[in-house]
Amino acid sequence: MPRMLSSATALRAAAPADSDVIAQLSAGGVFEVLELAGGNAWGVARGPGLVGYIDAGALGGAA
């Protein structure tokens, strides 16, 4: 499910909020959601092409 990011967020290596940050994603970017669980979204950041976890609260509407 491609979704726009409504706010900037960290792309993390694992689900816990204190896991390593892979990249900082900007508001307005597209995140391909593959799974939603426990307040996190796992998927692919379309711009940099990196896979990881973000806070699901940063997701906006469909892209």
PDB file of N, CA and C in Angstrom:
ATOM      1  N   MET A   1       0.844  -1.179   0.000  1.00  0.00           N
ATOM      2  CA  MET A   1       0.000   0.000   0.000  1.00  0.00           C
ATOM      3  C   MET A   1       0.889   1.242   0.000  1.00  0.00           C
ATOM      4  N   PRO A   2       1.021   1.952  -1.082  1.00  0.00           N
ATOM      5  CA  PRO A   2       1.801   3.186  -1.072  1.00  0.00           C
ATOM      6  C   PRO A   2       1.060   4.289  -0.304  1.00  0.00           C
ATOM      7  N   ARG A   3       1.745   4.878   0.664  1.00  0.00           N
ATOM      8  CA  ARG A   3       1.160   5.943   1.485  1.00  0.00           C
ATOM      9  C   ARG A   3       2.111   7.123   1.532  1.00  0.00           C
ATOM     10  N   MET A   4       1.547   8.316   1.544  1.00  0.00           N
ATOM     11  CA  MET A   4       2.338   9.540   1.710  1.00  0.00           C
ATOM     12  C   MET A   4       2.672   9.684   3.190  1.00  0.00           C
ATOM     13  N   LEU A   5       3.830  10.235   3.485  1.00  0.00           N
ATOM     14  CA  LEU A   5       4.192  10.530   4.867  1.00  0.00           C
ATOM     15  C   LEU A   5       3.641  11.910   5.225  1.00  0.00           C
ATOM     16  N   SER A   6       2.864  11.974   6.290  1.00  0.00           N
ATOM     17  CA  SER A   6       2.270  13.242   6.713  1.00  0.00           C
ATOM     18  C   SER A   6       3.237  14.061   7.559  1.00  0.00           C
ATOM     19  N   SER A   7       4.284  13.411   8.061  1.00  0.00           N
ATOM     20  CA  SER A   7       5.310  14.101   8.836  1.00  0.00           C
ATOM     21  C   SER A   7       6.649  13.399   8.636  1.00  0.00           C
ATOM     22  N   ALA A   8       7.720  14.119   8.909  1.00  0.00           N
ATOM     23  CA  ALA A   8       9.053  13.521   8.827  1.00  0.00           C
ATOM     24  C   ALA A   8       9.162  12.435   9.892  1.00  0.00           C
ATOM     25  N   THR A   9       9.906  11.392   9.587  1.00  0.00           N
ATOM     26  CA  THR A   9      10.049  10.280  10.527  1.00  0.00           C
ATOM     27  C   THR A   9      11.348   9.543  10.275  1.00  0.00           C
ATOM     28  N   ALA A  10      11.780   8.791  11.277  1.00  0.00           N
ATOM     29  CA  ALA A  10      12.991   7.978  11.156  1.00  0.00           C
ATOM     30  C   ALA A  10      12.632   6.612  10.578  1.00  0.00           C
ATOM     31  N   LEU A  11      13.444   6.130   9.665  1.00  0.00           N
ATOM     32  CA  LEU A  11      13.345   4.763   9.165  1.00  0.00           C
ATOM     33  C   LEU A  11      14.307   3.946  10.013  1.00  0.00           C
ATOM     34  N   ARG A  12      13.769   2.963  10.738  1.00  0.00           N
ATOM     35  CA  ARG A  12      14.556   2.195  11.697  1.00  0.00           C
ATOM     36  C   ARG A  12      14.841   0.781  11.186  1.00  0.00           C
ATOM     37  N   ALA A  13      15.925   0.190  11.682  1.00  0.00           N
ATOM     38  CA  ALA A  13      16.318  -1.163  11.295  1.00  0.00           C
ATOM     39  C   ALA A  13      15.405  -2.230  11.888  1.00  0.00           C
ATOM     40  N   ALA A  14      14.783  -1.941  13.031  1.00  0.00           N
ATOM     41  CA  ALA A  14      13.909  -2.887  13.713  1.00  0.00           C
ATOM     42  C   ALA A  14      12.722  -2.132  14.303  1.00  0.00           C
ATOM     43  N   ALA A  15      11.732  -2.856  14.772  1.00  0.00           N
ATOM     44  CA  ALA A  15      10.503  -2.236  15.273  1.00  0.00           C
ATOM     45  C   ALA A  15      10.671  -1.378  16.529  1.00  0.00           C
ATOM     46  N   PRO A  16      11.503  -1.766  17.513  1.00  0.00           N
ATOM     47  CA  PRO A  16      11.610  -0.936  18.723  1.00  0.00           C
ATOM     48  C   PRO A  16      12.041   0.499  18.414  1.00  0.00           C
ATOM     49  N   ALA A  17      11.444   1.449  19.117  1.00  0.00           N
ATOM     50  CA  ALA A  17      11.708   2.865  18.875  1.00  0.00           C
ATOM     51  C   ALA A  17      13.174   3.245  19.090  1.00  0.00           C
ATOM     52  N   ASP A  18      13.916   2.458  19.878  1.00  0.00           N
ATOM     53  CA  ASP A  18      15.317   2.788  20.135  1.00  0.00           C
ATOM     54  C   ASP A  18      16.290   2.021  19.227  1.00  0.00           C
ATOM     55  N   SER A  19      15.770   1.385  18.168  1.00  0.00           N
ATOM     56  CA  SER A  19      16.649   0.654  17.244  1.00  0.00           C
ATOM     57  C   SER A  19      17.409   1.632  16.345  1.00  0.00           C
ATOM     58  N   ASP A  20      18.424   1.135  15.663  1.00  0.00           N
ATOM     59  CA  ASP A  20      19.269   1.966  14.798  1.00  0.00           C
ATOM     60  C   ASP A  20      18.450   2.658  13.714  1.00  0.00           C
ATOM     61  N   VAL A  21      18.759   3.933  13.475  1.00  0.00           N
ATOM     62  CA  VAL A  21      18.106   4.714  12.427  1.00  0.00           C
ATOM     63  C   VAL A  21      18.884   4.532  11.128  1.00  0.00           C
ATOM     64  N   ILE A  22      18.182   4.100  10.085  1.00  0.00           N
ATOM     65  CA  ILE A  22      18.780   3.883   8.769  1.00  0.00           C
ATOM     66  C   ILE A  22      18.799   5.182   7.970  1.00  0.00           C
ATOM     67  N   ALA A  23      17.696   5.934   8.061  1.00  0.00           N
ATOM     68  CA  ALA A  23      17.560   7.175   7.297  1.00  0.00           C
ATOM     69  C   ALA A  23      16.474   8.033   7.920  1.00  0.00           C
ATOM     70  N   GLN A  24      16.499   9.316   7.606  1.00  0.00           N
ATOM     71  CA  GLN A  24      15.433  10.236   7.993  1.00  0.00           C
ATOM     72  C   GLN A  24      14.578  10.463   6.749  1.00  0.00           C
ATOM     73  N   LEU A  25      13.290  10.228   6.871  1.00  0.00           N
ATOM     74  CA  LEU A  25      12.371  10.401   5.748  1.00  0.00           C
ATOM     75  C   LEU A  25      11.617  11.714   5.893  1.00  0.00           C
ATOM     76  N   SER A  26      11.422  12.399   4.810  1.00  0.00           N
ATOM     77  CA  SER A  26      10.753  13.706   4.806  1.00  0.00           C
ATOM     78  C   SER A  26       9.252  13.565   4.629  1.00  0.00           C
ATOM     79  N   ALA A  27       8.522  14.525   5.186  1.00  0.00           N
ATOM     80  CA  ALA A  27       7.078  14.600   4.958  1.00  0.00           C
ATOM     81  C   ALA A  27       6.843  14.735   3.459  1.00  0.00           C
ATOM     82  N   GLY A  28       5.817  14.067   2.968  1.00  0.00           N
ATOM     83  CA  GLY A  28       5.491  14.116   1.548  1.00  0.00           C
ATOM     84  C   GLY A  28       6.113  12.985   0.751  1.00  0.00           C
ATOM     85  N   GLY A  29       7.068  12.272   1.342  1.00  0.00           N
ATOM     86  CA  GLY A  29       7.667  11.119   0.679  1.00  0.00           C
ATOM     87  C   GLY A  29       6.687   9.954   0.645  1.00  0.00           C
ATOM     88  N   VAL A  30       6.988   8.964  -0.177  1.00  0.00           N
ATOM     89  CA  VAL A  30       6.113   7.795  -0.304  1.00  0.00           C
ATOM     90  C   VAL A  30       6.750   6.608   0.408  1.00  0.00           C
ATOM     91  N   PHE A  31       5.945   5.915   1.214  1.00  0.00           N
ATOM     92  CA  PHE A  31       6.379   4.715   1.927  1.00  0.00           C
ATOM     93  C   PHE A  31       5.451   3.585   1.520  1.00  0.00           C
ATOM     94  N   GLU A  32       6.030   2.512   0.988  1.00  0.00           N
ATOM     95  CA  GLU A  32       5.257   1.329   0.575  1.00  0.00           C
ATOM     96  C   GLU A  32       5.045   0.446   1.797  1.00  0.00           C
ATOM     97  N   VAL A  33       3.861   0.466   2.364  1.00  0.00           N
ATOM     98  CA  VAL A  33       3.558  -0.309   3.570  1.00  0.00           C
ATOM     99  C   VAL A  33       3.335  -1.772   3.192  1.00  0.00           C
ATOM    100  N   LEU A  34       4.123  -2.649   3.813  1.00  0.00           N
ATOM    101  CA  LEU A  34       3.973  -4.084   3.606  1.00  0.00           C
ATOM    102  C   LEU A  34       3.267  -4.747   4.785  1.00  0.00           C
ATOM    103  N   GLU A  35       3.401  -4.132   5.989  1.00  0.00           N
ATOM    104  CA  GLU A  35       2.756  -4.685   7.183  1.00  0.00           C
ATOM    105  C   GLU A  35       2.581  -3.597   8.231  1.00  0.00           C
ATOM    106  N   LEU A  36       1.444  -3.608   8.910  1.00  0.00           N
ATOM    107  CA  LEU A  36       1.167  -2.719  10.041  1.00  0.00           C
ATOM    108  C   LEU A  36       1.014  -3.581  11.287  1.00  0.00           C
ATOM    109  N   ALA A  37       1.747  -3.237  12.357  1.00  0.00           N
ATOM    110  CA  ALA A  37       1.646  -4.002  13.600  1.00  0.00           C
ATOM    111  C   ALA A  37       2.190  -3.187  14.764  1.00  0.00           C
ATOM    112  N   GLY A  38       1.453  -3.165  15.861  1.00  0.00           N
ATOM    113  CA  GLY A  38       1.931  -2.544  17.092  1.00  0.00           C
ATOM    114  C   GLY A  38       2.347  -1.095  16.982  1.00  0.00           C
ATOM    115  N   GLY A  39       1.679  -0.315  16.183  1.00  0.00           N
ATOM    116  CA  GLY A  39       2.014   1.100  16.042  1.00  0.00           C
ATOM    117  C   GLY A  39       3.152   1.373  15.081  1.00  0.00           C
ATOM    118  N   ASN A  40       3.648   0.329  14.418  1.00  0.00           N
ATOM    119  CA  ASN A  40       4.733   0.462  13.446  1.00  0.00           C
ATOM    120  C   ASN A  40       4.250   0.040  12.069  1.00  0.00           C
ATOM    121  N   ALA A  41       4.897   0.600  11.066  1.00  0.00           N
ATOM    122  CA  ALA A  41       4.682   0.154   9.687  1.00  0.00           C
ATOM    123  C   ALA A  41       6.019  -0.346   9.174  1.00  0.00           C
ATOM    124  N   TRP A  42       6.002  -1.513   8.550  1.00  0.00           N
ATOM    125  CA  TRP A  42       7.204  -2.077   7.938  1.00  0.00           C
ATOM    126  C   TRP A  42       7.038  -1.999   6.439  1.00  0.00           C
ATOM    127  N   GLY A  43       8.089  -1.567   5.738  1.00  0.00           N
ATOM    128  CA  GLY A  43       7.984  -1.469   4.299  1.00  0.00           C
ATOM    129  C   GLY A  43       9.204  -0.848   3.663  1.00  0.00           C
ATOM    130  N   VAL A  44       8.983  -0.253   2.489  1.00  0.00           N
ATOM    131  CA  VAL A  44      10.068   0.297   1.667  1.00  0.00           C
ATOM    132  C   VAL A  44       9.876   1.801   1.505  1.00  0.00           C
ATOM    133  N   ALA A  45      10.925   2.555   1.810  1.00  0.00           N
ATOM    134  CA  ALA A  45      10.933   3.996   1.543  1.00  0.00           C
ATOM    135  C   ALA A  45      11.252   4.156   0.062  1.00  0.00           C
ATOM    136  N   ARG A  46      10.300   4.620  -0.709  1.00  0.00           N
ATOM    137  CA  ARG A  46      10.428   4.650  -2.164  1.00  0.00           C
ATOM    138  C   ARG A  46      11.622   5.466  -2.647  1.00  0.00           C
ATOM    139  N   GLY A  47      11.849   6.630  -2.092  1.00  0.00           N
ATOM    140  CA  GLY A  47      12.954   7.487  -2.557  1.00  0.00           C
ATOM    141  C   GLY A  47      14.305   6.804  -2.452  1.00  0.00           C
ATOM    142  N   PRO A  48      14.760   6.486  -1.228  1.00  0.00           N
ATOM    143  CA  PRO A  48      16.072   5.847  -1.100  1.00  0.00           C
ATOM    144  C   PRO A  48      16.056   4.340  -1.366  1.00  0.00           C
ATOM    145  N   GLY A  49      14.877   3.737  -1.444  1.00  0.00           N
ATOM    146  CA  GLY A  49      14.783   2.301  -1.703  1.00  0.00           C
ATOM    147  C   GLY A  49      15.220   1.443  -0.542  1.00  0.00           C
ATOM    148  N   LEU A  50      15.113   1.958   0.672  1.00  0.00           N
ATOM    149  CA  LEU A  50      15.526   1.230   1.867  1.00  0.00           C
ATOM    150  C   LEU A  50      14.332   0.579   2.553  1.00  0.00           C
ATOM    151  N   VAL A  51      14.571  -0.581   3.164  1.00  0.00           N
ATOM    152  CA  VAL A  51      13.526  -1.316   3.880  1.00  0.00           C
ATOM    153  C   VAL A  51      13.705  -1.113   5.374  1.00  0.00           C
ATOM    154  N   GLY A  52      12.605  -0.874   6.077  1.00  0.00           N
ATOM    155  CA  GLY A  52      12.686  -0.717   7.522  1.00  0.00           C
ATOM    156  C   GLY A  52      11.333  -0.426   8.132  1.00  0.00           C
ATOM    157  N   TYR A  53      11.377   0.050   9.360  1.00  0.00           N
ATOM    158  CA  TYR A  53      10.187   0.344  10.163  1.00  0.00           C
ATOM    159  C   TYR A  53      10.054   1.829  10.403  1.00  0.00           C
ATOM    160  N   ILE A  54       8.829   2.316  10.405  1.00  0.00           N
ATOM    161  CA  ILE A  54       8.538   3.695  10.783  1.00  0.00           C
ATOM    162  C   ILE A  54       7.384   3.701  11.773  1.00  0.00           C
ATOM    163  N   ASP A  55       7.214   4.828  12.454  1.00  0.00           N
ATOM    164  CA  ASP A  55       6.048   5.027  13.317  1.00  0.00           C
ATOM    165  C   ASP A  55       4.833   5.156  12.416  1.00  0.00           C
ATOM    166  N   ALA A  56       3.832   4.311  12.607  1.00  0.00           N
ATOM    167  CA  ALA A  56       2.634   4.313  11.753  1.00  0.00           C
ATOM    168  C   ALA A  56       1.899   5.644  11.833  1.00  0.00           C
ATOM    169  N   GLY A  57       2.097   6.411  12.887  1.00  0.00           N
ATOM    170  CA  GLY A  57       1.463   7.714  13.024  1.00  0.00           C
ATOM    171  C   GLY A  57       1.939   8.720  11.992  1.00  0.00           C
ATOM    172  N   ALA A  58       3.056   8.433  11.336  1.00  0.00           N
ATOM    173  CA  ALA A  58       3.589   9.345  10.321  1.00  0.00           C
ATOM    174  C   ALA A  58       2.940   9.126   8.951  1.00  0.00           C
ATOM    175  N   LEU A  59       2.115   8.094   8.830  1.00  0.00           N
ATOM    176  CA  LEU A  59       1.486   7.782   7.547  1.00  0.00           C
ATOM    177  C   LEU A  59       0.300   8.690   7.278  1.00  0.00           C
ATOM    178  N   GLY A  60       0.218   9.174   6.063  1.00  0.00           N
ATOM    179  CA  GLY A  60      -0.928   9.961   5.623  1.00  0.00           C
ATOM    180  C   GLY A  60      -1.800   9.124   4.699  1.00  0.00           C
ATOM    181  N   GLY A  61      -2.396   9.773   3.749  1.00  0.00           N
ATOM    182  CA  GLY A  61      -3.302   9.104   2.810  1.00  0.00           C
ATOM    183  C   GLY A  61      -2.569   8.337   1.732  1.00  0.00           C
ATOM    184  N   ALA A  62      -3.377   7.699   0.891  1.00  0.00           N
ATOM    185  CA  ALA A  62      -2.841   6.903  -0.216  1.00  0.00           C
ATOM    186  C   ALA A  62      -2.047   7.770  -1.172  1.00  0.00           C
ATOM    187  N   ALA A  63      -0.976   7.206  -1.706  1.00  0.00           N
ATOM    188  CA  ALA A  63      -0.127   7.944  -2.644  1.00  0.00           C
ATOM    189  C   ALA A  63      -0.565   7.674  -4.073  1.00  0.00           C
TER     190      ALA A  63
END
